[in-house]
């Protein structure tokens, strides 16, 4: 399934709950087909924005040998190294500058993209330029731990978006055959499934206000006969639950190359396991009085659209629908709103 790069970018923005940033970092990827060029362009435009507004500065502890006293004197080191005799002193002080972990991650990511195969030459030139402008930021060897424990506030919120991009780049790079260079791997089916789920859930959180939206957990509507049996039952968690006083909709998103299966006779059919899962949610949830319960299986497609609707013996409406991701995002937005209309 080939989804336009521009739409993958917008899906990521919603999945990260950073939809406002799409107006700050405008990225025209018309005709582009590679993720590496998408992320390169986002970082180029994003870092441009940082330079205009000013790089984030933080206090960092510095301990160094200097000629005049600054901050707190490190007497032990100064005496051991005979610095006083030479008119020098070891001091410890706080420096307020741009050499912090957020800027270090951005610089390290830019460095990796410069050494990545199949990045447009023009993008690489701009990335090299940005790297030179970050000369006062230390070089680090990027690893997974750098992305944990990062803190953001109202002054550096935009960094959270850029660091999401950096983490995506880091997790997508593989060593190339040429030493010191990298290549981009494709998104796995699981990653695309998680992206589609997060995108749809956060889209409804942001773009409509008639229903509350969450991922819902609930237990099986079973009465336990043997002691301790309840602990063996798996927890049920919906991808997306939307509800108000009148309606409750459970949406199960599925990302597959072929939304509908082909049986042994060549006939297109709905995946029975997907239906079983949705029905398990519907049969075990407890709608409030007055709530009409509905279930939707939602598939992304880039070609064939479908909208099949059924009604169970208990009166639940069950729909199997598709969203075409190979179209302008305004139309995708309209179609998603139509799914729950």
C-alpha atoms as a PDB file:
ATOM      1  CA  UNK A   1       0.000   0.000   0.000  1.00  0.00           C
ATOM      2  CA  UNK A   2       1.632   3.236  -1.159  1.00  0.00           C
ATOM      3  CA  UNK A   3       0.461   6.201   0.901  1.00  0.00           C
ATOM      4  CA  UNK A   4       1.564   9.656  -0.323  1.00  0.00           C
ATOM      5  CA  UNK A   5       4.495  10.953   1.741  1.00  0.00           C
ATOM      6  CA  UNK A   6       2.616  14.183   2.447  1.00  0.00           C
ATOM      7  CA  UNK A   7      -0.187  12.200   4.113  1.00  0.00           C
ATOM      8  CA  UNK A   8       2.233  10.091   6.169  1.00  0.00           C
ATOM      9  CA  UNK A   9       3.662  13.363   7.497  1.00  0.00           C
ATOM     10  CA  UNK A  10       0.218  14.632   8.505  1.00  0.00           C
ATOM     11  CA  UNK A  11      -0.636  11.263  10.085  1.00  0.00           C
ATOM     12  CA  UNK A  12       2.558  11.469  12.160  1.00  0.00           C
ATOM     13  CA  UNK A  13       1.686  14.999  13.273  1.00  0.00           C
ATOM     14  CA  UNK A  14      -1.711  13.857  14.541  1.00  0.00           C
ATOM     15  CA  UNK A  15      -0.259  10.700  16.092  1.00  0.00           C
ATOM     16  CA  UNK A  16       2.194  12.882  18.052  1.00  0.00           C
ATOM     17  CA  UNK A  17      -0.634  15.343  18.886  1.00  0.00           C
ATOM     18  CA  UNK A  18       1.350  18.144  17.241  1.00  0.00           C
ATOM     19  CA  UNK A  19      -1.206  19.257  14.641  1.00  0.00           C
ATOM     20  CA  UNK A  20      -0.411  22.958  15.200  1.00  0.00           C
ATOM     21  CA  UNK A  21       3.166  22.383  14.067  1.00  0.00           C
ATOM     22  CA  UNK A  22       2.068  21.582  10.510  1.00  0.00           C
ATOM     23  CA  UNK A  23       1.453  25.320  10.027  1.00  0.00           C
ATOM     24  CA  UNK A  24       4.881  26.224  11.461  1.00  0.00           C
ATOM     25  CA  UNK A  25       6.838  23.598   9.505  1.00  0.00           C
ATOM     26  CA  UNK A  26       5.149  23.676   6.124  1.00  0.00           C
ATOM     27  CA  UNK A  27       6.465  20.839   3.987  1.00  0.00           C
ATOM     28  CA  UNK A  28       5.500  20.506   0.340  1.00  0.00           C
ATOM     29  CA  UNK A  29       6.447  16.936  -0.635  1.00  0.00           C
ATOM     30  CA  UNK A  30       4.496  16.819  -3.896  1.00  0.00           C
ATOM     31  CA  UNK A  31       6.005  14.074  -6.037  1.00  0.00           C
ATOM     32  CA  UNK A  32       8.342  12.836  -3.291  1.00  0.00           C
ATOM     33  CA  UNK A  33       8.327   9.138  -2.466  1.00  0.00           C
ATOM     34  CA  UNK A  34      10.990   8.725   0.235  1.00  0.00           C
ATOM     35  CA  UNK A  35      10.674   9.039   3.995  1.00  0.00           C
ATOM     36  CA  UNK A  36      14.306  10.116   4.346  1.00  0.00           C
ATOM     37  CA  UNK A  37      13.670  13.203   2.206  1.00  0.00           C
ATOM     38  CA  UNK A  38      10.490  13.923   4.157  1.00  0.00           C
ATOM     39  CA  UNK A  39      12.316  13.918   7.492  1.00  0.00           C
ATOM     40  CA  UNK A  40      15.252  15.852   6.033  1.00  0.00           C
ATOM     41  CA  UNK A  41      12.885  18.577   4.796  1.00  0.00           C
ATOM     42  CA  UNK A  42      11.035  18.708   8.128  1.00  0.00           C
ATOM     43  CA  UNK A  43      14.313  19.115  10.038  1.00  0.00           C
ATOM     44  CA  UNK A  44      15.602  21.750   7.607  1.00  0.00           C
ATOM     45  CA  UNK A  45      12.444  23.842   7.967  1.00  0.00           C
ATOM     46  CA  UNK A  46      12.129  23.133  11.687  1.00  0.00           C
ATOM     47  CA  UNK A  47      15.702  24.171  12.493  1.00  0.00           C
ATOM     48  CA  UNK A  48      15.229  27.278  10.341  1.00  0.00           C
ATOM     49  CA  UNK A  49      12.338  28.154  12.639  1.00  0.00           C
ATOM     50  CA  UNK A  50      14.564  27.570  15.694  1.00  0.00           C
ATOM     51  CA  UNK A  51      17.266  29.879  14.354  1.00  0.00           C
ATOM     52  CA  UNK A  52      14.686  32.622  13.766  1.00  0.00           C
ATOM     53  CA  UNK A  53      13.197  32.395  17.260  1.00  0.00           C
ATOM     54  CA  UNK A  54      16.482  31.497  18.983  1.00  0.00           C
ATOM     55  CA  UNK A  55      17.886  28.152  20.056  1.00  0.00           C
ATOM     56  CA  UNK A  56      16.821  26.881  23.448  1.00  0.00           C
ATOM     57  CA  UNK A  57      19.358  27.665  26.186  1.00  0.00           C
ATOM     58  CA  UNK A  58      19.878  25.814  29.451  1.00  0.00           C
ATOM     59  CA  UNK A  59      22.211  25.978  32.409  1.00  0.00           C
ATOM     60  CA  UNK A  60      24.952  23.348  32.381  1.00  0.00           C
ATOM     61  CA  UNK A  61      27.657  22.710  34.964  1.00  0.00           C
ATOM     62  CA  UNK A  62      31.171  23.474  33.703  1.00  0.00           C
ATOM     63  CA  UNK A  63      34.391  22.484  35.487  1.00  0.00           C
ATOM     64  CA  UNK A  64      37.465  23.839  33.730  1.00  0.00           C
ATOM     65  CA  UNK A  65      40.878  25.427  34.070  1.00  0.00           C
ATOM     66  CA  UNK A  66      40.752  29.217  33.586  1.00  0.00           C
ATOM     67  CA  UNK A  67      42.904  32.293  34.308  1.00  0.00           C
ATOM     68  CA  UNK A  68      40.424  34.216  36.475  1.00  0.00           C
ATOM     69  CA  UNK A  69      38.022  33.078  39.170  1.00  0.00           C
ATOM     70  CA  UNK A  70      34.521  32.270  37.994  1.00  0.00           C
ATOM     71  CA  UNK A  71      31.886  30.608  40.132  1.00  0.00           C
ATOM     72  CA  UNK A  72      33.228  28.151  42.727  1.00  0.00           C
ATOM     73  CA  UNK A  73      36.960  27.342  43.008  1.00  0.00           C
ATOM     74  CA  UNK A  74      37.832  23.648  42.839  1.00  0.00           C
ATOM     75  CA  UNK A  75      40.678  23.804  45.388  1.00  0.00           C
ATOM     76  CA  UNK A  76      41.536  20.081  45.337  1.00  0.00           C
ATOM     77  CA  UNK A  77      42.117  19.993  41.579  1.00  0.00           C
ATOM     78  CA  UNK A  78      43.844  23.388  41.557  1.00  0.00           C
ATOM     79  CA  UNK A  79      46.342  22.273  44.239  1.00  0.00           C
ATOM     80  CA  UNK A  80      46.950  18.813  42.756  1.00  0.00           C
ATOM     81  CA  UNK A  81      47.783  20.316  39.367  1.00  0.00           C
ATOM     82  CA  UNK A  82      49.779  23.276  40.783  1.00  0.00           C
ATOM     83  CA  UNK A  83      47.556  25.689  38.893  1.00  0.00           C
ATOM     84  CA  UNK A  84      47.941  28.584  41.358  1.00  0.00           C
ATOM     85  CA  UNK A  85      51.702  28.741  40.693  1.00  0.00           C
ATOM     86  CA  UNK A  86      51.008  29.201  36.985  1.00  0.00           C
ATOM     87  CA  UNK A  87      48.393  31.900  37.564  1.00  0.00           C
ATOM     88  CA  UNK A  88      45.477  29.604  36.782  1.00  0.00           C
ATOM     89  CA  UNK A  89      42.587  28.091  38.728  1.00  0.00           C
ATOM     90  CA  UNK A  90      40.134  25.204  38.360  1.00  0.00           C
ATOM     91  CA  UNK A  91      36.586  26.537  38.676  1.00  0.00           C
ATOM     92  CA  UNK A  92      33.087  25.111  38.648  1.00  0.00           C
ATOM     93  CA  UNK A  93      30.284  27.318  37.365  1.00  0.00           C
ATOM     94  CA  UNK A  94      26.944  27.308  35.553  1.00  0.00           C
ATOM     95  CA  UNK A  95      26.999  28.228  31.874  1.00  0.00           C
ATOM     96  CA  UNK A  96      23.777  29.383  30.204  1.00  0.00           C
ATOM     97  CA  UNK A  97      24.137  28.359  26.573  1.00  0.00           C
ATOM     98  CA  UNK A  98      22.779  26.316  23.660  1.00  0.00           C
ATOM     99  CA  UNK A  99      24.861  23.207  24.396  1.00  0.00           C
ATOM    100  CA  UNK A 100      22.019  21.125  25.822  1.00  0.00           C
ATOM    101  CA  UNK A 101      20.661  17.654  25.105  1.00  0.00           C
ATOM    102  CA  UNK A 102      17.817  18.859  22.848  1.00  0.00           C
ATOM    103  CA  UNK A 103      20.173  20.704  20.505  1.00  0.00           C
ATOM    104  CA  UNK A 104      22.719  17.878  20.694  1.00  0.00           C
ATOM    105  CA  UNK A 105      20.087  15.360  19.526  1.00  0.00           C
ATOM    106  CA  UNK A 106      19.084  17.612  16.626  1.00  0.00           C
ATOM    107  CA  UNK A 107      22.709  18.101  15.566  1.00  0.00           C
ATOM    108  CA  UNK A 108      23.445  14.363  15.815  1.00  0.00           C
ATOM    109  CA  UNK A 109      20.352  13.548  13.723  1.00  0.00           C
ATOM    110  CA  UNK A 110      21.362  16.066  11.074  1.00  0.00           C
ATOM    111  CA  UNK A 111      24.820  14.465  10.992  1.00  0.00           C
ATOM    112  CA  UNK A 112      23.285  11.032  10.385  1.00  0.00           C
ATOM    113  CA  UNK A 113      20.995  12.315   7.638  1.00  0.00           C
ATOM    114  CA  UNK A 114      23.976  13.897   5.870  1.00  0.00           C
ATOM    115  CA  UNK A 115      25.482  10.396   5.720  1.00  0.00           C
ATOM    116  CA  UNK A 116      22.254   8.687   4.625  1.00  0.00           C
ATOM    117  CA  UNK A 117      21.792   7.200   1.158  1.00  0.00           C
ATOM    118  CA  UNK A 118      19.270   8.700  -1.272  1.00  0.00           C
ATOM    119  CA  UNK A 119      18.871  12.096   0.404  1.00  0.00           C
ATOM    120  CA  UNK A 120      18.466  14.822  -2.229  1.00  0.00           C
ATOM    121  CA  UNK A 121      21.690  16.752  -2.856  1.00  0.00           C
ATOM    122  CA  UNK A 122      19.987  20.083  -2.169  1.00  0.00           C
ATOM    123  CA  UNK A 123      18.721  18.810   1.192  1.00  0.00           C
ATOM    124  CA  UNK A 124      22.189  17.548   2.157  1.00  0.00           C
ATOM    125  CA  UNK A 125      23.687  20.966   1.349  1.00  0.00           C
ATOM    126  CA  UNK A 126      21.152  22.650   3.632  1.00  0.00           C
ATOM    127  CA  UNK A 127      21.727  20.076   6.385  1.00  0.00           C
ATOM    128  CA  UNK A 128      25.498  20.688   6.222  1.00  0.00           C
ATOM    129  CA  UNK A 129      24.815  24.426   6.512  1.00  0.00           C
ATOM    130  CA  UNK A 130      22.626  23.868   9.587  1.00  0.00           C
ATOM    131  CA  UNK A 131      25.275  21.624  11.157  1.00  0.00           C
ATOM    132  CA  UNK A 132      27.880  24.391  10.794  1.00  0.00           C
ATOM    133  CA  UNK A 133      25.513  26.875  12.433  1.00  0.00           C
ATOM    134  CA  UNK A 134      25.294  24.472  15.386  1.00  0.00           C
ATOM    135  CA  UNK A 135      29.072  24.624  15.923  1.00  0.00           C
ATOM    136  CA  UNK A 136      28.637  25.587  19.596  1.00  0.00           C
ATOM    137  CA  UNK A 137      26.629  22.424  20.246  1.00  0.00           C
ATOM    138  CA  UNK A 138      28.597  19.318  21.263  1.00  0.00           C
ATOM    139  CA  UNK A 139      28.696  16.238  19.051  1.00  0.00           C
ATOM    140  CA  UNK A 140      27.211  13.117  20.648  1.00  0.00           C
ATOM    141  CA  UNK A 141      26.932   9.505  19.525  1.00  0.00           C
ATOM    142  CA  UNK A 142      23.168   9.171  19.459  1.00  0.00           C
ATOM    143  CA  UNK A 143      21.533   6.243  21.255  1.00  0.00           C
ATOM    144  CA  UNK A 144      18.036   5.293  22.393  1.00  0.00           C
ATOM    145  CA  UNK A 145      18.541   6.523  25.974  1.00  0.00           C
ATOM    146  CA  UNK A 146      18.950  10.119  24.775  1.00  0.00           C
ATOM    147  CA  UNK A 147      15.226  10.238  23.968  1.00  0.00           C
ATOM    148  CA  UNK A 148      14.044   9.220  27.444  1.00  0.00           C
ATOM    149  CA  UNK A 149      13.523  11.699  30.255  1.00  0.00           C
ATOM    150  CA  UNK A 150      13.361  14.761  28.004  1.00  0.00           C
ATOM    151  CA  UNK A 151      11.402  17.629  29.524  1.00  0.00           C
ATOM    152  CA  UNK A 152       9.527  20.370  27.763  1.00  0.00           C
ATOM    153  CA  UNK A 153       7.803  23.562  28.845  1.00  0.00           C
ATOM    154  CA  UNK A 154       5.894  26.389  27.216  1.00  0.00           C
ATOM    155  CA  UNK A 155       9.165  27.957  26.035  1.00  0.00           C
ATOM    156  CA  UNK A 156      10.498  24.896  24.210  1.00  0.00           C
ATOM    157  CA  UNK A 157       7.329  23.027  23.171  1.00  0.00           C
ATOM    158  CA  UNK A 158       8.318  23.172  19.505  1.00  0.00           C
ATOM    159  CA  UNK A 159      11.372  21.075  20.368  1.00  0.00           C
ATOM    160  CA  UNK A 160       9.115  18.166  21.317  1.00  0.00           C
ATOM    161  CA  UNK A 161       7.868  17.965  17.742  1.00  0.00           C
ATOM    162  CA  UNK A 162      11.380  18.119  16.243  1.00  0.00           C
ATOM    163  CA  UNK A 163      12.693  15.534  18.687  1.00  0.00           C
ATOM    164  CA  UNK A 164       9.816  13.221  17.726  1.00  0.00           C
ATOM    165  CA  UNK A 165      11.118  13.541  14.165  1.00  0.00           C
ATOM    166  CA  UNK A 166      14.685  12.869  15.359  1.00  0.00           C
ATOM    167  CA  UNK A 167      13.583   9.745  17.231  1.00  0.00           C
ATOM    168  CA  UNK A 168      11.726   8.504  14.155  1.00  0.00           C
ATOM    169  CA  UNK A 169      14.869   9.034  12.058  1.00  0.00           C
ATOM    170  CA  UNK A 170      17.031   7.264  14.655  1.00  0.00           C
ATOM    171  CA  UNK A 171      14.732   4.227  14.759  1.00  0.00           C
ATOM    172  CA  UNK A 172      14.529   4.072  10.946  1.00  0.00           C
ATOM    173  CA  UNK A 173      18.248   4.148  10.098  1.00  0.00           C
ATOM    174  CA  UNK A 174      20.270   1.044   9.326  1.00  0.00           C
ATOM    175  CA  UNK A 175      24.032   0.833   8.649  1.00  0.00           C
ATOM    176  CA  UNK A 176      24.737   0.963   4.927  1.00  0.00           C
ATOM    177  CA  UNK A 177      27.172  -1.281   3.068  1.00  0.00           C
ATOM    178  CA  UNK A 178      29.537   1.702   2.945  1.00  0.00           C
ATOM    179  CA  UNK A 179      31.273   2.287   6.278  1.00  0.00           C
ATOM    180  CA  UNK A 180      29.964   5.258   8.241  1.00  0.00           C
ATOM    181  CA  UNK A 181      26.853   5.655   6.100  1.00  0.00           C
ATOM    182  CA  UNK A 182      23.195   4.793   6.623  1.00  0.00           C
ATOM    183  CA  UNK A 183      20.113   3.719   4.730  1.00  0.00           C
ATOM    184  CA  UNK A 184      16.427   4.057   5.587  1.00  0.00           C
ATOM    185  CA  UNK A 185      14.309   1.022   6.293  1.00  0.00           C
ATOM    186  CA  UNK A 186      10.636   0.869   5.409  1.00  0.00           C
ATOM    187  CA  UNK A 187       7.955   1.127   8.067  1.00  0.00           C
ATOM    188  CA  UNK A 188       6.910  -2.312   9.254  1.00  0.00           C
ATOM    189  CA  UNK A 189       3.256  -3.362   9.071  1.00  0.00           C
ATOM    190  CA  UNK A 190       3.026  -3.151  12.886  1.00  0.00           C
ATOM    191  CA  UNK A 191       4.411   0.402  12.838  1.00  0.00           C
ATOM    192  CA  UNK A 192       1.949   1.448  10.143  1.00  0.00           C
ATOM    193  CA  UNK A 193      -0.895  -0.178  12.076  1.00  0.00           C
ATOM    194  CA  UNK A 194       0.074   1.712  15.255  1.00  0.00           C
ATOM    195  CA  UNK A 195       0.458   4.936  13.283  1.00  0.00           C
ATOM    196  CA  UNK A 196      -2.973   4.568  11.671  1.00  0.00           C
ATOM    197  CA  UNK A 197      -4.599   3.801  15.039  1.00  0.00           C
ATOM    198  CA  UNK A 198      -2.981   6.788  16.798  1.00  0.00           C
ATOM    199  CA  UNK A 199      -3.736   9.081  13.877  1.00  0.00           C
ATOM    200  CA  UNK A 200      -7.451   8.204  13.789  1.00  0.00           C
ATOM    201  CA  UNK A 201      -7.847   8.395  17.579  1.00  0.00           C
ATOM    202  CA  UNK A 202      -6.142  11.794  17.872  1.00  0.00           C
ATOM    203  CA  UNK A 203      -7.910  13.105  14.776  1.00  0.00           C
ATOM    204  CA  UNK A 204     -11.248  12.543  16.501  1.00  0.00           C
ATOM    205  CA  UNK A 205      -9.928  14.068  19.731  1.00  0.00           C
ATOM    206  CA  UNK A 206      -8.896  17.220  17.897  1.00  0.00           C
ATOM    207  CA  UNK A 207     -11.318  17.649  15.001  1.00  0.00           C
ATOM    208  CA  UNK A 208     -14.707  16.949  16.609  1.00  0.00           C
ATOM    209  CA  UNK A 209     -16.270  17.923  19.933  1.00  0.00           C
ATOM    210  CA  UNK A 210     -19.569  16.010  20.002  1.00  0.00           C
ATOM    211  CA  UNK A 211     -18.085  12.907  21.625  1.00  0.00           C
ATOM    212  CA  UNK A 212     -15.317  12.111  24.080  1.00  0.00           C
ATOM    213  CA  UNK A 213     -12.517   9.951  22.700  1.00  0.00           C
ATOM    214  CA  UNK A 214     -10.269   7.449  24.440  1.00  0.00           C
ATOM    215  CA  UNK A 215      -8.781   3.982  24.293  1.00  0.00           C
ATOM    216  CA  UNK A 216     -11.032   2.020  26.637  1.00  0.00           C
ATOM    217  CA  UNK A 217     -10.221  -0.944  28.871  1.00  0.00           C
ATOM    218  CA  UNK A 218     -12.868  -3.313  30.198  1.00  0.00           C
ATOM    219  CA  UNK A 219     -13.286  -6.851  31.448  1.00  0.00           C
ATOM    220  CA  UNK A 220     -15.108  -9.845  30.061  1.00  0.00           C
ATOM    221  CA  UNK A 221     -18.771 -10.063  31.080  1.00  0.00           C
ATOM    222  CA  UNK A 222     -18.195 -13.476  32.645  1.00  0.00           C
ATOM    223  CA  UNK A 223     -19.268 -14.862  36.000  1.00  0.00           C
ATOM    224  CA  UNK A 224     -16.381 -16.792  37.542  1.00  0.00           C
ATOM    225  CA  UNK A 225     -17.184 -20.379  38.553  1.00  0.00           C
ATOM    226  CA  UNK A 226     -13.722 -21.516  39.646  1.00  0.00           C
ATOM    227  CA  UNK A 227     -11.656 -19.437  42.059  1.00  0.00           C
ATOM    228  CA  UNK A 228      -8.842 -17.459  40.431  1.00  0.00           C
ATOM    229  CA  UNK A 229     -10.094 -17.994  36.877  1.00  0.00           C
ATOM    230  CA  UNK A 230     -10.662 -14.283  36.377  1.00  0.00           C
ATOM    231  CA  UNK A 231      -6.927 -13.627  36.599  1.00  0.00           C
ATOM    232  CA  UNK A 232      -6.390 -15.729  33.464  1.00  0.00           C
ATOM    233  CA  UNK A 233      -8.661 -13.646  31.249  1.00  0.00           C
ATOM    234  CA  UNK A 234      -6.889 -11.177  28.958  1.00  0.00           C
ATOM    235  CA  UNK A 235      -7.746  -7.507  29.329  1.00  0.00           C
ATOM    236  CA  UNK A 236      -9.753  -5.986  26.517  1.00  0.00           C
ATOM    237  CA  UNK A 237      -8.597  -2.634  25.132  1.00  0.00           C
ATOM    238  CA  UNK A 238     -10.316  -0.831  22.306  1.00  0.00           C
ATOM    239  CA  UNK A 239      -8.355   1.099  19.717  1.00  0.00           C
ATOM    240  CA  UNK A 240     -10.839   3.956  19.857  1.00  0.00           C
ATOM    241  CA  UNK A 241     -14.021   4.509  21.870  1.00  0.00           C
ATOM    242  CA  UNK A 242     -16.185   7.567  21.202  1.00  0.00           C
ATOM    243  CA  UNK A 243     -19.137   8.325  23.424  1.00  0.00           C
ATOM    244  CA  UNK A 244     -21.658  10.874  24.639  1.00  0.00           C
ATOM    245  CA  UNK A 245     -25.009  10.517  26.386  1.00  0.00           C
ATOM    246  CA  UNK A 246     -26.711   9.169  23.255  1.00  0.00           C
ATOM    247  CA  UNK A 247     -24.091   7.129  21.390  1.00  0.00           C
ATOM    248  CA  UNK A 248     -21.121   4.876  21.979  1.00  0.00           C
ATOM    249  CA  UNK A 249     -18.947   3.893  19.017  1.00  0.00           C
ATOM    250  CA  UNK A 250     -16.142   1.346  19.235  1.00  0.00           C
ATOM    251  CA  UNK A 251     -13.701   1.609  16.322  1.00  0.00           C
ATOM    252  CA  UNK A 252     -11.149  -1.096  15.614  1.00  0.00           C
ATOM    253  CA  UNK A 253      -8.528   0.063  13.103  1.00  0.00           C
ATOM    254  CA  UNK A 254      -6.779  -2.475  10.886  1.00  0.00           C
ATOM    255  CA  UNK A 255      -3.838  -1.762   8.601  1.00  0.00           C
ATOM    256  CA  UNK A 256      -3.464  -4.493   5.987  1.00  0.00           C
ATOM    257  CA  UNK A 257      -2.266  -4.565   2.389  1.00  0.00           C
ATOM    258  CA  UNK A 258      -5.600  -6.161   1.518  1.00  0.00           C
ATOM    259  CA  UNK A 259      -8.485  -4.960   3.658  1.00  0.00           C
ATOM    260  CA  UNK A 260     -10.760  -7.760   2.480  1.00  0.00           C
ATOM    261  CA  UNK A 261      -9.572 -11.368   2.307  1.00  0.00           C
ATOM    262  CA  UNK A 262      -9.901 -13.554  -0.748  1.00  0.00           C
ATOM    263  CA  UNK A 263     -11.329 -16.993   0.044  1.00  0.00           C
ATOM    264  CA  UNK A 264     -10.526 -20.270  -1.721  1.00  0.00           C
ATOM    265  CA  UNK A 265     -13.112 -19.549  -4.403  1.00  0.00           C
ATOM    266  CA  UNK A 266     -11.645 -16.133  -5.198  1.00  0.00           C
ATOM    267  CA  UNK A 267     -14.431 -14.232  -3.467  1.00  0.00           C
ATOM    268  CA  UNK A 268     -13.708 -11.123  -1.364  1.00  0.00           C
ATOM    269  CA  UNK A 269     -14.823 -11.553   2.258  1.00  0.00           C
ATOM    270  CA  UNK A 270     -14.421  -9.684   5.552  1.00  0.00           C
ATOM    271  CA  UNK A 271     -11.687 -11.052   7.811  1.00  0.00           C
ATOM    272  CA  UNK A 272     -13.534 -13.225  10.344  1.00  0.00           C
ATOM    273  CA  UNK A 273     -10.940 -12.677  13.094  1.00  0.00           C
ATOM    274  CA  UNK A 274     -11.423  -8.931  12.838  1.00  0.00           C
ATOM    275  CA  UNK A 275     -15.189  -9.366  13.151  1.00  0.00           C
ATOM    276  CA  UNK A 276     -14.789 -11.696  16.145  1.00  0.00           C
ATOM    277  CA  UNK A 277     -12.604  -9.130  17.896  1.00  0.00           C
ATOM    278  CA  UNK A 278     -15.037  -6.278  17.302  1.00  0.00           C
ATOM    279  CA  UNK A 279     -17.988  -8.408  18.425  1.00  0.00           C
ATOM    280  CA  UNK A 280     -16.114  -9.343  21.619  1.00  0.00           C
ATOM    281  CA  UNK A 281     -15.829  -5.631  22.423  1.00  0.00           C
ATOM    282  CA  UNK A 282     -19.496  -4.986  21.674  1.00  0.00           C
ATOM    283  CA  UNK A 283     -20.762  -7.987  23.638  1.00  0.00           C
ATOM    284  CA  UNK A 284     -18.689  -7.228  26.736  1.00  0.00           C
ATOM    285  CA  UNK A 285     -18.986  -3.454  27.008  1.00  0.00           C
ATOM    286  CA  UNK A 286     -21.695  -1.939  29.192  1.00  0.00           C
ATOM    287  CA  UNK A 287     -23.335   1.052  27.476  1.00  0.00           C
ATOM    288  CA  UNK A 288     -25.135   3.493  29.727  1.00  0.00           C
ATOM    289  CA  UNK A 289     -28.905   3.863  29.655  1.00  0.00           C
ATOM    290  CA  UNK A 290     -29.907   5.693  26.507  1.00  0.00           C
ATOM    291  CA  UNK A 291     -26.637   5.025  24.664  1.00  0.00           C
ATOM    292  CA  UNK A 292     -26.908   3.444  21.211  1.00  0.00           C
ATOM    293  CA  UNK A 293     -23.964   1.087  20.732  1.00  0.00           C
ATOM    294  CA  UNK A 294     -22.154   0.814  17.385  1.00  0.00           C
ATOM    295  CA  UNK A 295     -19.044  -0.956  16.143  1.00  0.00           C
ATOM    296  CA  UNK A 296     -16.819  -0.043  13.202  1.00  0.00           C
ATOM    297  CA  UNK A 297     -13.969  -1.900  11.519  1.00  0.00           C
ATOM    298  CA  UNK A 298     -11.921   0.802   9.778  1.00  0.00           C
ATOM    299  CA  UNK A 299      -9.368  -0.008   7.095  1.00  0.00           C
ATOM    300  CA  UNK A 300      -7.052   2.321   5.157  1.00  0.00           C
ATOM    301  CA  UNK A 301      -7.023   1.842   1.396  1.00  0.00           C
ATOM    302  CA  UNK A 302      -5.462   3.605  -1.571  1.00  0.00           C
ATOM    303  CA  UNK A 303      -7.751   2.204  -4.255  1.00  0.00           C
ATOM    304  CA  UNK A 304     -11.069   0.512  -3.491  1.00  0.00           C
ATOM    305  CA  UNK A 305     -13.527   2.208  -1.147  1.00  0.00           C
ATOM    306  CA  UNK A 306     -16.211   0.262   0.678  1.00  0.00           C
ATOM    307  CA  UNK A 307     -18.868   0.802   3.335  1.00  0.00           C
ATOM    308  CA  UNK A 308     -20.716  -2.329   4.466  1.00  0.00           C
ATOM    309  CA  UNK A 309     -23.293  -2.075   7.251  1.00  0.00           C
ATOM    310  CA  UNK A 310     -25.007  -4.747   9.307  1.00  0.00           C
ATOM    311  CA  UNK A 311     -27.243  -5.080  12.352  1.00  0.00           C
ATOM    312  CA  UNK A 312     -26.814  -7.781  14.993  1.00  0.00           C
ATOM    313  CA  UNK A 313     -29.656  -9.655  16.673  1.00  0.00           C
ATOM    314  CA  UNK A 314     -28.999  -7.552  19.770  1.00  0.00           C
ATOM    315  CA  UNK A 315     -29.619  -4.427  17.717  1.00  0.00           C
ATOM    316  CA  UNK A 316     -26.032  -3.186  17.414  1.00  0.00           C
ATOM    317  CA  UNK A 317     -25.025  -1.532  14.161  1.00  0.00           C
ATOM    318  CA  UNK A 318     -21.775  -2.963  12.783  1.00  0.00           C
ATOM    319  CA  UNK A 319     -19.969  -1.237   9.907  1.00  0.00           C
ATOM    320  CA  UNK A 320     -16.940  -2.250   7.867  1.00  0.00           C
ATOM    321  CA  UNK A 321     -15.551   0.886   6.245  1.00  0.00           C
ATOM    322  CA  UNK A 322     -12.495   2.120   4.386  1.00  0.00           C
ATOM    323  CA  UNK A 323     -10.619   5.420   4.289  1.00  0.00           C
ATOM    324  CA  UNK A 324      -8.744   6.262   1.102  1.00  0.00           C
ATOM    325  CA  UNK A 325      -5.336   7.638   2.130  1.00  0.00           C
ATOM    326  CA  UNK A 326      -4.352   8.348  -1.477  1.00  0.00           C
ATOM    327  CA  UNK A 327      -6.218  11.650  -1.686  1.00  0.00           C
ATOM    328  CA  UNK A 328      -5.978  15.236  -0.538  1.00  0.00           C
ATOM    329  CA  UNK A 329      -5.949  15.477   3.245  1.00  0.00           C
ATOM    330  CA  UNK A 330      -8.984  17.766   3.290  1.00  0.00           C
ATOM    331  CA  UNK A 331     -10.955  14.918   1.725  1.00  0.00           C
ATOM    332  CA  UNK A 332      -9.481  12.402   4.207  1.00  0.00           C
ATOM    333  CA  UNK A 333     -10.590  14.721   7.012  1.00  0.00           C
ATOM    334  CA  UNK A 334     -14.091  14.974   5.550  1.00  0.00           C
ATOM    335  CA  UNK A 335     -14.310  11.193   5.115  1.00  0.00           C
ATOM    336  CA  UNK A 336     -13.192  10.509   8.696  1.00  0.00           C
ATOM    337  CA  UNK A 337     -15.842  12.868  10.018  1.00  0.00           C
ATOM    338  CA  UNK A 338     -18.359  11.047   7.830  1.00  0.00           C
ATOM    339  CA  UNK A 339     -17.431   7.697   9.404  1.00  0.00           C
ATOM    340  CA  UNK A 340     -18.996   8.760  12.718  1.00  0.00           C
ATOM    341  CA  UNK A 341     -21.735  11.029  11.318  1.00  0.00           C
END
